[in-house]
C-alpha atoms as a PDB file:
ATOM      1  CA  MET A   1      56.556 143.574 148.139  1.00  0.00           C
ATOM      2  CA  GLN A   2      53.842 141.627 149.080  1.00  0.00           C
ATOM      3  CA  PRO A   3      54.220 139.090 152.407  1.00  0.00           C
ATOM      4  CA  ILE A   4      54.182 135.157 151.549  1.00  0.00           C
ATOM      5  CA  THR A   5      50.879 133.605 153.246  1.00  0.00           C
ATOM      6  CA  VAL A   6      51.809 129.548 152.519  1.00  0.00           C
ATOM      7  CA  ARG A   7      55.562 128.943 152.919  1.00  0.00           C
ATOM      8  CA  VAL A   8      57.126 126.611 150.048  1.00  0.00           C
ATOM      9  CA  SER A   9      58.887 123.775 151.673  1.00  0.00           C
ATOM     10  CA  SER A  10      59.940 121.870 148.170  1.00  0.00           C
ATOM     11  CA  LYS A  11      61.362 124.232 146.071  1.00  0.00           C
ATOM     12  CA  GLY A  12      61.157 121.658 143.148  1.00  0.00           C
ATOM     13  CA  ALA A  13      57.005 121.580 143.720  1.00  0.00           C
ATOM     14  CA  LYS A  14      54.351 123.521 142.116  1.00  0.00           C
ATOM     15  CA  ASN A  15      52.882 126.213 143.499  1.00  0.00           C
ATOM     16  CA  SER A  16      50.443 128.736 143.037  1.00  0.00           C
ATOM     17  CA  CYS A  17      51.682 132.329 142.615  1.00  0.00           C
ATOM     18  CA  SER A  18      49.132 134.785 141.527  1.00  0.00           C
ATOM     19  CA  SER A  19      51.452 137.566 141.161  1.00  0.00           C
ATOM     20  CA  PHE A  20      53.131 136.013 137.823  1.00  0.00           C
ATOM     21  CA  GLU A  21      52.208 134.608 135.038  1.00  0.00           C
ATOM     22  CA  PRO A  22      54.397 133.383 132.119  1.00  0.00           C
ATOM     23  CA  ARG A  23      54.690 135.814 128.924  1.00  0.00           C
ATOM     24  CA  THR A  24      53.754 134.681 125.404  1.00  0.00           C
ATOM     25  CA  THR A  25      55.611 136.153 122.906  1.00  0.00           C
ATOM     26  CA  VAL A  26      55.621 135.525 118.865  1.00  0.00           C
ATOM     27  CA  GLU A  27      58.238 136.859 116.769  1.00  0.00           C
ATOM     28  CA  ARG A  28      57.510 137.897 113.596  1.00  0.00           C
ATOM     29  CA  GLU A  29      59.313 138.472 110.237  1.00  0.00           C
ATOM     30  CA  THR A  30      59.630 142.055 109.669  1.00  0.00           C
ATOM     31  CA  THR A  31      61.769 141.817 105.973  1.00  0.00           C
ATOM     32  CA  THR A  32      61.704 139.421 103.508  1.00  0.00           C
ATOM     33  CA  PRO A  33      64.887 137.056 103.097  1.00  0.00           C
ATOM     34  CA  ARG A  34      66.795 137.718 100.391  1.00  0.00           C
ATOM     35  CA  VAL A  35      68.638 134.452  99.163  1.00  0.00           C
ATOM     36  CA  ASP A  36      71.675 135.754  97.706  1.00  0.00           C
ATOM     37  CA  ASP A  37      73.157 136.955 101.337  1.00  0.00           C
ATOM     38  CA  ALA A  38      74.275 133.843 102.427  1.00  0.00           C
ATOM     39  CA  ARG A  39      76.118 133.114  99.660  1.00  0.00           C
ATOM     40  CA  LYS A  40      77.529 136.648  99.253  1.00  0.00           C
ATOM     41  CA  ALA A  41      78.651 136.659 102.902  1.00  0.00           C
ATOM     42  CA  PHE A  42      80.482 132.955 101.911  1.00  0.00           C
ATOM     43  CA  ASP A  43      81.871 134.343  98.939  1.00  0.00           C
ATOM     44  CA  ASP A  44      83.200 137.787 101.018  1.00  0.00           C
ATOM     45  CA  LEU A  45      84.881 135.433 103.744  1.00  0.00           C
ATOM     46  CA  PHE A  46      86.569 133.581 101.508  1.00  0.00           C
ATOM     47  CA  LYS A  47      87.305 136.254  98.507  1.00  0.00           C
ATOM     48  CA  PHE A  48      85.711 134.350  95.674  1.00  0.00           C
END
């Protein structure tokens, strides 16, 4: 824990906190989608 030096009175206002920053992640597709998977799942669901 670190002491808070300046009190933030308005909780909706922007503050400058150097302890935290947003993290950016990039989702990558690892496998190639197969075209017939959705159709097969539909057919299996309704027993065609």
